[in-house]
Amino acid sequence: MTVILVLVTFFAFVALDWMLHRGKQPVTVPVAESARTAQLDRIAGFFAPQNVRYHAGHAWLQRERRNIARAGADEFAAALAGAISKIEPPKPGQWVRQGQKAWTLYRNGEKTEMVSPIEGEVLEINQEVLQNPSLLRDDPYGRGWLMTVHVPDEESTTRNLIPKNLVSSWMQDAAERLYALQPAAAYATAADGGEPARDLLAGVPEVEWPAVTKQFFLTAE
């Protein structure tokens, strides 16, 4: 009798499940879902990963472990800097202050500077990007990183970074300001399929590269 009750209960659940789900197709994840997710990280054409924090001067920061962070230049900065020939970083052991000059980029005999996104002691400099400065543009959030920093006071310094919910509007505003200054830069982005050209200011001989970059890197005096 017990066996019969078990069987009756089992078939009752099977029948109920069929009635609830009949006509419905299995839920599947579209192949393009990963591409759609990647698009969430692209703002005004510029790649801006959600897993890093941003400083208003277009440097990024990623926490590696307690009191240790990695920093570099975001893609907007890398595309604006363009074909740089040399990077002059701070030295290991040097104390960098948030919002103050940290590294220098050289191009065609001119230079521009970027500020540190965090305050602390420089631990390591990426020697690979110093030997091959094009990595800053090729892979700004990966092999193009610039330095690691020991950050004694994480809470107070990260508080001054762009809030995550404002990153999209901040990057959009930066792109619009750039295109207002240099309409040719907007064409360079659109002509590359909506993604920024390798060098946004290439082919615009009248542009003052140090002056334009320093406006966005917050080092204009």
C-alpha atoms as a PDB file:
ATOM      1  CA  MET A   1       0.000   0.000   0.000  1.00  0.00           C
ATOM      2  CA  THR A   2       2.852   2.367   0.872  1.00  0.00           C
ATOM      3  CA  VAL A   3       4.502   1.698  -2.484  1.00  0.00           C
ATOM      4  CA  ILE A   4       1.282   2.525  -4.307  1.00  0.00           C
ATOM      5  CA  LEU A   5       0.937   5.830  -2.435  1.00  0.00           C
ATOM      6  CA  VAL A   6       4.522   6.775  -3.299  1.00  0.00           C
ATOM      7  CA  LEU A   7       3.929   6.011  -6.979  1.00  0.00           C
ATOM      8  CA  VAL A   8       0.652   7.939  -7.034  1.00  0.00           C
ATOM      9  CA  THR A   9       2.359  10.944  -5.409  1.00  0.00           C
ATOM     10  CA  PHE A  10       5.258  10.797  -7.871  1.00  0.00           C
ATOM     11  CA  PHE A  11       3.016  10.723 -10.945  1.00  0.00           C
ATOM     12  CA  ALA A  12       0.868  13.497  -9.497  1.00  0.00           C
ATOM     13  CA  PHE A  13       3.940  15.753  -9.241  1.00  0.00           C
ATOM     14  CA  VAL A  14       4.995  14.833 -12.786  1.00  0.00           C
ATOM     15  CA  ALA A  15       1.554  15.705 -14.117  1.00  0.00           C
ATOM     16  CA  LEU A  16       1.499  18.995 -12.203  1.00  0.00           C
ATOM     17  CA  ASP A  17       4.943  19.941 -13.488  1.00  0.00           C
ATOM     18  CA  TRP A  18       3.883  19.207 -17.087  1.00  0.00           C
ATOM     19  CA  MET A  19       0.775  21.375 -16.763  1.00  0.00           C
ATOM     20  CA  LEU A  20       2.741  24.267 -15.301  1.00  0.00           C
ATOM     21  CA  HIS A  21       5.494  24.189 -17.913  1.00  0.00           C
ATOM     22  CA  ARG A  22       3.774  22.942 -21.061  1.00  0.00           C
ATOM     23  CA  GLY A  23       4.431  25.085 -24.066  1.00  0.00           C
ATOM     24  CA  LYS A  24       7.401  26.788 -22.422  1.00  0.00           C
ATOM     25  CA  GLN A  25      10.854  26.550 -23.956  1.00  0.00           C
ATOM     26  CA  PRO A  26      13.896  25.836 -21.767  1.00  0.00           C
ATOM     27  CA  VAL A  27      15.607  28.973 -20.555  1.00  0.00           C
ATOM     28  CA  THR A  28      18.958  29.375 -22.294  1.00  0.00           C
ATOM     29  CA  VAL A  29      21.611  32.082 -22.172  1.00  0.00           C
ATOM     30  CA  PRO A  30      22.133  33.640 -25.616  1.00  0.00           C
ATOM     31  CA  VAL A  31      25.598  33.289 -27.114  1.00  0.00           C
ATOM     32  CA  ALA A  32      25.734  37.079 -27.472  1.00  0.00           C
ATOM     33  CA  GLU A  33      25.123  37.616 -23.735  1.00  0.00           C
ATOM     34  CA  SER A  34      28.847  37.981 -23.000  1.00  0.00           C
ATOM     35  CA  ALA A  35      29.146  40.581 -25.756  1.00  0.00           C
ATOM     36  CA  ARG A  36      26.153  42.444 -24.340  1.00  0.00           C
ATOM     37  CA  THR A  37      27.760  42.424 -20.902  1.00  0.00           C
ATOM     38  CA  ALA A  38      30.978  43.783 -22.397  1.00  0.00           C
ATOM     39  CA  GLN A  39      29.010  46.662 -23.884  1.00  0.00           C
ATOM     40  CA  LEU A  40      28.030  47.703 -20.363  1.00  0.00           C
ATOM     41  CA  ASP A  41      31.708  48.488 -19.817  1.00  0.00           C
ATOM     42  CA  ARG A  42      31.926  50.765 -22.865  1.00  0.00           C
ATOM     43  CA  ILE A  43      30.924  54.381 -22.277  1.00  0.00           C
ATOM     44  CA  ALA A  44      30.853  56.901 -25.133  1.00  0.00           C
ATOM     45  CA  GLY A  45      33.001  54.420 -27.044  1.00  0.00           C
ATOM     46  CA  PHE A  46      35.648  54.108 -24.325  1.00  0.00           C
ATOM     47  CA  PHE A  47      36.239  50.869 -22.434  1.00  0.00           C
ATOM     48  CA  ALA A  48      35.708  51.500 -18.721  1.00  0.00           C
ATOM     49  CA  PRO A  49      35.672  48.199 -16.773  1.00  0.00           C
ATOM     50  CA  GLN A  50      33.342  48.102 -13.805  1.00  0.00           C
ATOM     51  CA  ASN A  51      35.861  46.260 -11.632  1.00  0.00           C
ATOM     52  CA  VAL A  52      38.206  49.243 -11.267  1.00  0.00           C
ATOM     53  CA  ARG A  53      37.804  52.684  -9.672  1.00  0.00           C
ATOM     54  CA  TYR A  54      38.476  55.952 -11.464  1.00  0.00           C
ATOM     55  CA  HIS A  55      40.058  59.251 -10.527  1.00  0.00           C
ATOM     56  CA  ALA A  56      38.837  62.470 -12.133  1.00  0.00           C
ATOM     57  CA  GLY A  57      42.231  62.800 -13.846  1.00  0.00           C
ATOM     58  CA  HIS A  58      41.550  59.588 -15.838  1.00  0.00           C
ATOM     59  CA  ALA A  59      43.789  57.285 -13.855  1.00  0.00           C
ATOM     60  CA  TRP A  60      42.331  53.998 -12.627  1.00  0.00           C
ATOM     61  CA  LEU A  61      42.844  52.054  -9.432  1.00  0.00           C
ATOM     62  CA  GLN A  62      42.241  48.427  -8.510  1.00  0.00           C
ATOM     63  CA  ARG A  63      42.628  46.979  -5.039  1.00  0.00           C
ATOM     64  CA  GLU A  64      44.816  43.876  -5.124  1.00  0.00           C
ATOM     65  CA  ARG A  65      44.717  43.013  -1.446  1.00  0.00           C
ATOM     66  CA  ARG A  66      44.603  44.848   1.848  1.00  0.00           C
ATOM     67  CA  ASN A  67      46.494  48.157   1.577  1.00  0.00           C
ATOM     68  CA  ILE A  68      47.898  47.285  -1.861  1.00  0.00           C
ATOM     69  CA  ALA A  69      46.517  48.760  -5.098  1.00  0.00           C
ATOM     70  CA  ARG A  70      47.467  48.790  -8.769  1.00  0.00           C
ATOM     71  CA  ALA A  71      47.113  51.924 -10.896  1.00  0.00           C
ATOM     72  CA  GLY A  72      47.265  53.016 -14.512  1.00  0.00           C
ATOM     73  CA  ALA A  73      45.738  55.286 -17.157  1.00  0.00           C
ATOM     74  CA  ASP A  74      42.194  54.602 -18.394  1.00  0.00           C
ATOM     75  CA  GLU A  75      41.439  54.092 -22.083  1.00  0.00           C
ATOM     76  CA  PHE A  76      40.252  57.682 -22.521  1.00  0.00           C
ATOM     77  CA  ALA A  77      43.655  58.891 -21.302  1.00  0.00           C
ATOM     78  CA  ALA A  78      45.526  56.327 -23.389  1.00  0.00           C
ATOM     79  CA  ALA A  79      43.666  57.262 -26.586  1.00  0.00           C
ATOM     80  CA  LEU A  80      44.115  60.961 -25.878  1.00  0.00           C
ATOM     81  CA  ALA A  81      47.837  60.506 -25.201  1.00  0.00           C
ATOM     82  CA  GLY A  82      48.134  58.444 -28.368  1.00  0.00           C
ATOM     83  CA  ALA A  83      51.501  57.348 -29.750  1.00  0.00           C
ATOM     84  CA  ILE A  84      53.719  58.117 -26.785  1.00  0.00           C
ATOM     85  CA  SER A  85      57.419  57.325 -27.008  1.00  0.00           C
ATOM     86  CA  LYS A  86      58.372  57.312 -23.329  1.00  0.00           C
ATOM     87  CA  ILE A  87      56.849  57.001 -19.877  1.00  0.00           C
ATOM     88  CA  GLU A  88      58.588  58.473 -16.851  1.00  0.00           C
ATOM     89  CA  PRO A  89      57.107  56.920 -13.686  1.00  0.00           C
ATOM     90  CA  PRO A  90      57.703  57.654 -10.008  1.00  0.00           C
ATOM     91  CA  LYS A  91      60.404  55.623  -8.302  1.00  0.00           C
ATOM     92  CA  PRO A  92      59.780  52.691  -5.948  1.00  0.00           C
ATOM     93  CA  GLY A  93      59.805  54.028  -2.406  1.00  0.00           C
ATOM     94  CA  GLN A  94      58.507  57.420  -3.522  1.00  0.00           C
ATOM     95  CA  TRP A  95      55.401  58.778  -1.787  1.00  0.00           C
ATOM     96  CA  VAL A  96      52.683  59.833  -4.217  1.00  0.00           C
ATOM     97  CA  ARG A  97      49.727  61.989  -3.239  1.00  0.00           C
ATOM     98  CA  GLN A  98      46.261  61.645  -4.642  1.00  0.00           C
ATOM     99  CA  GLY A  99      45.574  64.282  -7.270  1.00  0.00           C
ATOM    100  CA  GLN A 100      49.235  65.285  -7.602  1.00  0.00           C
ATOM    101  CA  LYS A 101      51.594  64.565 -10.496  1.00  0.00           C
ATOM    102  CA  ALA A 102      52.700  60.950 -10.631  1.00  0.00           C
ATOM    103  CA  TRP A 103      53.952  60.004 -14.117  1.00  0.00           C
ATOM    104  CA  THR A 104      54.952  61.825 -17.307  1.00  0.00           C
ATOM    105  CA  LEU A 105      54.157  60.850 -20.905  1.00  0.00           C
ATOM    106  CA  TYR A 106      56.359  61.974 -23.819  1.00  0.00           C
ATOM    107  CA  ARG A 107      55.436  62.345 -27.468  1.00  0.00           C
ATOM    108  CA  ASN A 108      57.152  64.113 -30.374  1.00  0.00           C
ATOM    109  CA  GLY A 109      59.426  66.058 -28.055  1.00  0.00           C
ATOM    110  CA  GLU A 110      56.524  67.228 -25.882  1.00  0.00           C
ATOM    111  CA  LYS A 111      55.332  65.979 -22.530  1.00  0.00           C
ATOM    112  CA  THR A 112      52.180  65.764 -20.469  1.00  0.00           C
ATOM    113  CA  GLU A 113      51.649  64.559 -16.915  1.00  0.00           C
ATOM    114  CA  MET A 114      49.026  62.560 -15.079  1.00  0.00           C
ATOM    115  CA  VAL A 115      48.101  62.545 -11.411  1.00  0.00           C
ATOM    116  CA  SER A 116      48.012  59.660  -8.980  1.00  0.00           C
ATOM    117  CA  PRO A 117      44.576  58.222  -8.209  1.00  0.00           C
ATOM    118  CA  ILE A 118      45.665  57.279  -4.690  1.00  0.00           C
ATOM    119  CA  GLU A 119      48.025  58.284  -1.887  1.00  0.00           C
ATOM    120  CA  GLY A 120      50.744  55.992  -0.676  1.00  0.00           C
ATOM    121  CA  GLU A 121      54.215  54.558  -1.231  1.00  0.00           C
ATOM    122  CA  VAL A 122      55.130  53.272  -4.676  1.00  0.00           C
ATOM    123  CA  LEU A 123      56.050  49.601  -4.432  1.00  0.00           C
ATOM    124  CA  GLU A 124      56.620  48.523  -8.016  1.00  0.00           C
ATOM    125  CA  ILE A 125      56.761  49.974 -11.512  1.00  0.00           C
ATOM    126  CA  ASN A 126      55.741  47.981 -14.571  1.00  0.00           C
ATOM    127  CA  GLN A 127      59.024  47.615 -16.431  1.00  0.00           C
ATOM    128  CA  GLU A 128      57.315  46.032 -19.426  1.00  0.00           C
ATOM    129  CA  VAL A 129      55.304  49.157 -20.223  1.00  0.00           C
ATOM    130  CA  LEU A 130      58.414  51.323 -19.811  1.00  0.00           C
ATOM    131  CA  GLN A 131      60.179  49.235 -22.447  1.00  0.00           C
ATOM    132  CA  ASN A 132      57.100  49.142 -24.676  1.00  0.00           C
ATOM    133  CA  PRO A 133      55.002  52.295 -24.102  1.00  0.00           C
ATOM    134  CA  SER A 134      52.447  51.191 -26.725  1.00  0.00           C
ATOM    135  CA  LEU A 135      51.075  48.765 -24.112  1.00  0.00           C
ATOM    136  CA  LEU A 136      49.509  51.747 -22.399  1.00  0.00           C
ATOM    137  CA  ARG A 137      47.218  52.059 -25.421  1.00  0.00           C
ATOM    138  CA  ASP A 138      47.005  48.379 -26.361  1.00  0.00           C
ATOM    139  CA  ASP A 139      46.020  47.098 -22.933  1.00  0.00           C
ATOM    140  CA  PRO A 140      45.548  49.984 -20.450  1.00  0.00           C
ATOM    141  CA  TYR A 141      43.877  47.878 -17.748  1.00  0.00           C
ATOM    142  CA  GLY A 142      46.092  44.838 -18.215  1.00  0.00           C
ATOM    143  CA  ARG A 143      49.705  44.728 -19.361  1.00  0.00           C
ATOM    144  CA  GLY A 144      49.737  48.512 -19.570  1.00  0.00           C
ATOM    145  CA  TRP A 145      49.396  49.073 -15.808  1.00  0.00           C
ATOM    146  CA  LEU A 146      51.894  51.553 -14.382  1.00  0.00           C
ATOM    147  CA  MET A 147      52.486  51.093 -10.663  1.00  0.00           C
ATOM    148  CA  THR A 148      51.491  49.340  -7.475  1.00  0.00           C
ATOM    149  CA  VAL A 149      51.120  51.363  -4.297  1.00  0.00           C
ATOM    150  CA  HIS A 150      51.007  50.640  -0.586  1.00  0.00           C
ATOM    151  CA  VAL A 151      47.966  52.548   0.648  1.00  0.00           C
ATOM    152  CA  PRO A 152      47.969  52.981   4.450  1.00  0.00           C
ATOM    153  CA  ASP A 153      44.589  54.728   4.591  1.00  0.00           C
ATOM    154  CA  GLU A 154      42.364  53.040   2.032  1.00  0.00           C
ATOM    155  CA  GLU A 155      39.084  54.423   3.316  1.00  0.00           C
ATOM    156  CA  SER A 156      39.890  58.121   3.100  1.00  0.00           C
ATOM    157  CA  THR A 157      41.656  58.000  -0.272  1.00  0.00           C
ATOM    158  CA  THR A 158      39.179  55.789  -2.123  1.00  0.00           C
ATOM    159  CA  ARG A 159      36.424  58.095  -0.906  1.00  0.00           C
ATOM    160  CA  ASN A 160      37.758  60.745  -3.299  1.00  0.00           C
ATOM    161  CA  LEU A 161      37.434  58.562  -6.410  1.00  0.00           C
ATOM    162  CA  ILE A 162      34.517  58.813  -8.867  1.00  0.00           C
ATOM    163  CA  PRO A 163      31.472  57.121  -7.267  1.00  0.00           C
ATOM    164  CA  LYS A 164      30.619  53.977  -9.222  1.00  0.00           C
ATOM    165  CA  ASN A 165      27.127  55.202 -10.053  1.00  0.00           C
ATOM    166  CA  LEU A 166      28.572  58.370 -11.604  1.00  0.00           C
ATOM    167  CA  VAL A 167      31.298  56.811 -13.774  1.00  0.00           C
ATOM    168  CA  SER A 168      29.064  56.629 -16.851  1.00  0.00           C
ATOM    169  CA  SER A 169      27.994  60.286 -16.765  1.00  0.00           C
ATOM    170  CA  TRP A 170      31.559  61.403 -15.925  1.00  0.00           C
ATOM    171  CA  MET A 171      33.053  59.551 -18.902  1.00  0.00           C
ATOM    172  CA  GLN A 172      30.265  60.735 -21.200  1.00  0.00           C
ATOM    173  CA  ASP A 173      30.915  64.323 -20.132  1.00  0.00           C
ATOM    174  CA  ALA A 174      34.657  63.954 -20.761  1.00  0.00           C
ATOM    175  CA  ALA A 175      34.013  62.659 -24.281  1.00  0.00           C
ATOM    176  CA  GLU A 176      31.603  65.492 -25.056  1.00  0.00           C
ATOM    177  CA  ARG A 177      34.055  68.112 -23.789  1.00  0.00           C
ATOM    178  CA  LEU A 178      36.831  66.603 -25.911  1.00  0.00           C
ATOM    179  CA  TYR A 179      34.675  66.549 -29.043  1.00  0.00           C
ATOM    180  CA  ALA A 180      33.594  70.135 -28.423  1.00  0.00           C
ATOM    181  CA  LEU A 181      37.270  71.155 -28.305  1.00  0.00           C
ATOM    182  CA  GLN A 182      38.369  68.932 -31.168  1.00  0.00           C
ATOM    183  CA  PRO A 183      35.525  67.792 -33.476  1.00  0.00           C
ATOM    184  CA  ALA A 184      38.060  65.709 -35.418  1.00  0.00           C
ATOM    185  CA  ALA A 185      38.409  63.486 -32.343  1.00  0.00           C
ATOM    186  CA  ALA A 186      34.702  62.662 -32.540  1.00  0.00           C
ATOM    187  CA  TYR A 187      35.157  61.622 -36.165  1.00  0.00           C
ATOM    188  CA  ALA A 188      38.140  59.474 -35.190  1.00  0.00           C
ATOM    189  CA  THR A 189      35.936  57.603 -32.719  1.00  0.00           C
ATOM    190  CA  ALA A 190      32.954  57.207 -35.051  1.00  0.00           C
ATOM    191  CA  ALA A 191      35.141  56.107 -37.961  1.00  0.00           C
ATOM    192  CA  ASP A 192      36.526  53.284 -35.848  1.00  0.00           C
ATOM    193  CA  GLY A 193      33.157  51.624 -35.344  1.00  0.00           C
ATOM    194  CA  GLY A 194      32.178  53.670 -32.314  1.00  0.00           C
ATOM    195  CA  GLU A 195      35.373  52.791 -30.482  1.00  0.00           C
ATOM    196  CA  PRO A 196      38.202  55.291 -29.994  1.00  0.00           C
ATOM    197  CA  ALA A 197      40.960  55.401 -32.574  1.00  0.00           C
ATOM    198  CA  ARG A 198      44.412  54.467 -31.326  1.00  0.00           C
ATOM    199  CA  ASP A 199      45.419  58.118 -31.366  1.00  0.00           C
ATOM    200  CA  LEU A 200      42.517  60.540 -31.079  1.00  0.00           C
ATOM    201  CA  LEU A 201      44.561  63.625 -31.864  1.00  0.00           C
ATOM    202  CA  ALA A 202      46.622  62.193 -34.722  1.00  0.00           C
ATOM    203  CA  GLY A 203      46.154  64.024 -37.983  1.00  0.00           C
ATOM    204  CA  VAL A 204      45.156  67.240 -36.219  1.00  0.00           C
ATOM    205  CA  PRO A 205      48.397  69.221 -36.595  1.00  0.00           C
ATOM    206  CA  GLU A 206      46.945  72.414 -35.172  1.00  0.00           C
ATOM    207  CA  VAL A 207      46.117  70.807 -31.836  1.00  0.00           C
ATOM    208  CA  GLU A 208      48.259  71.661 -28.822  1.00  0.00           C
ATOM    209  CA  TRP A 209      48.669  68.153 -27.442  1.00  0.00           C
ATOM    210  CA  PRO A 210      50.068  69.115 -23.992  1.00  0.00           C
ATOM    211  CA  ALA A 211      47.388  71.747 -23.447  1.00  0.00           C
ATOM    212  CA  VAL A 212      44.473  69.489 -24.416  1.00  0.00           C
ATOM    213  CA  THR A 213      45.674  66.473 -22.449  1.00  0.00           C
ATOM    214  CA  LYS A 214      46.415  68.506 -19.333  1.00  0.00           C
ATOM    215  CA  GLN A 215      42.850  69.777 -19.246  1.00  0.00           C
ATOM    216  CA  PHE A 216      41.586  66.228 -18.848  1.00  0.00           C
ATOM    217  CA  PHE A 217      44.500  64.936 -16.772  1.00  0.00           C
ATOM    218  CA  LEU A 218      43.993  67.803 -14.287  1.00  0.00           C
ATOM    219  CA  THR A 219      47.565  69.024 -14.532  1.00  0.00           C
ATOM    220  CA  ALA A 220      46.912  72.295 -16.369  1.00  0.00           C
ATOM    221  CA  GLU A 221      48.490  75.198 -14.515  1.00  0.00           C
END
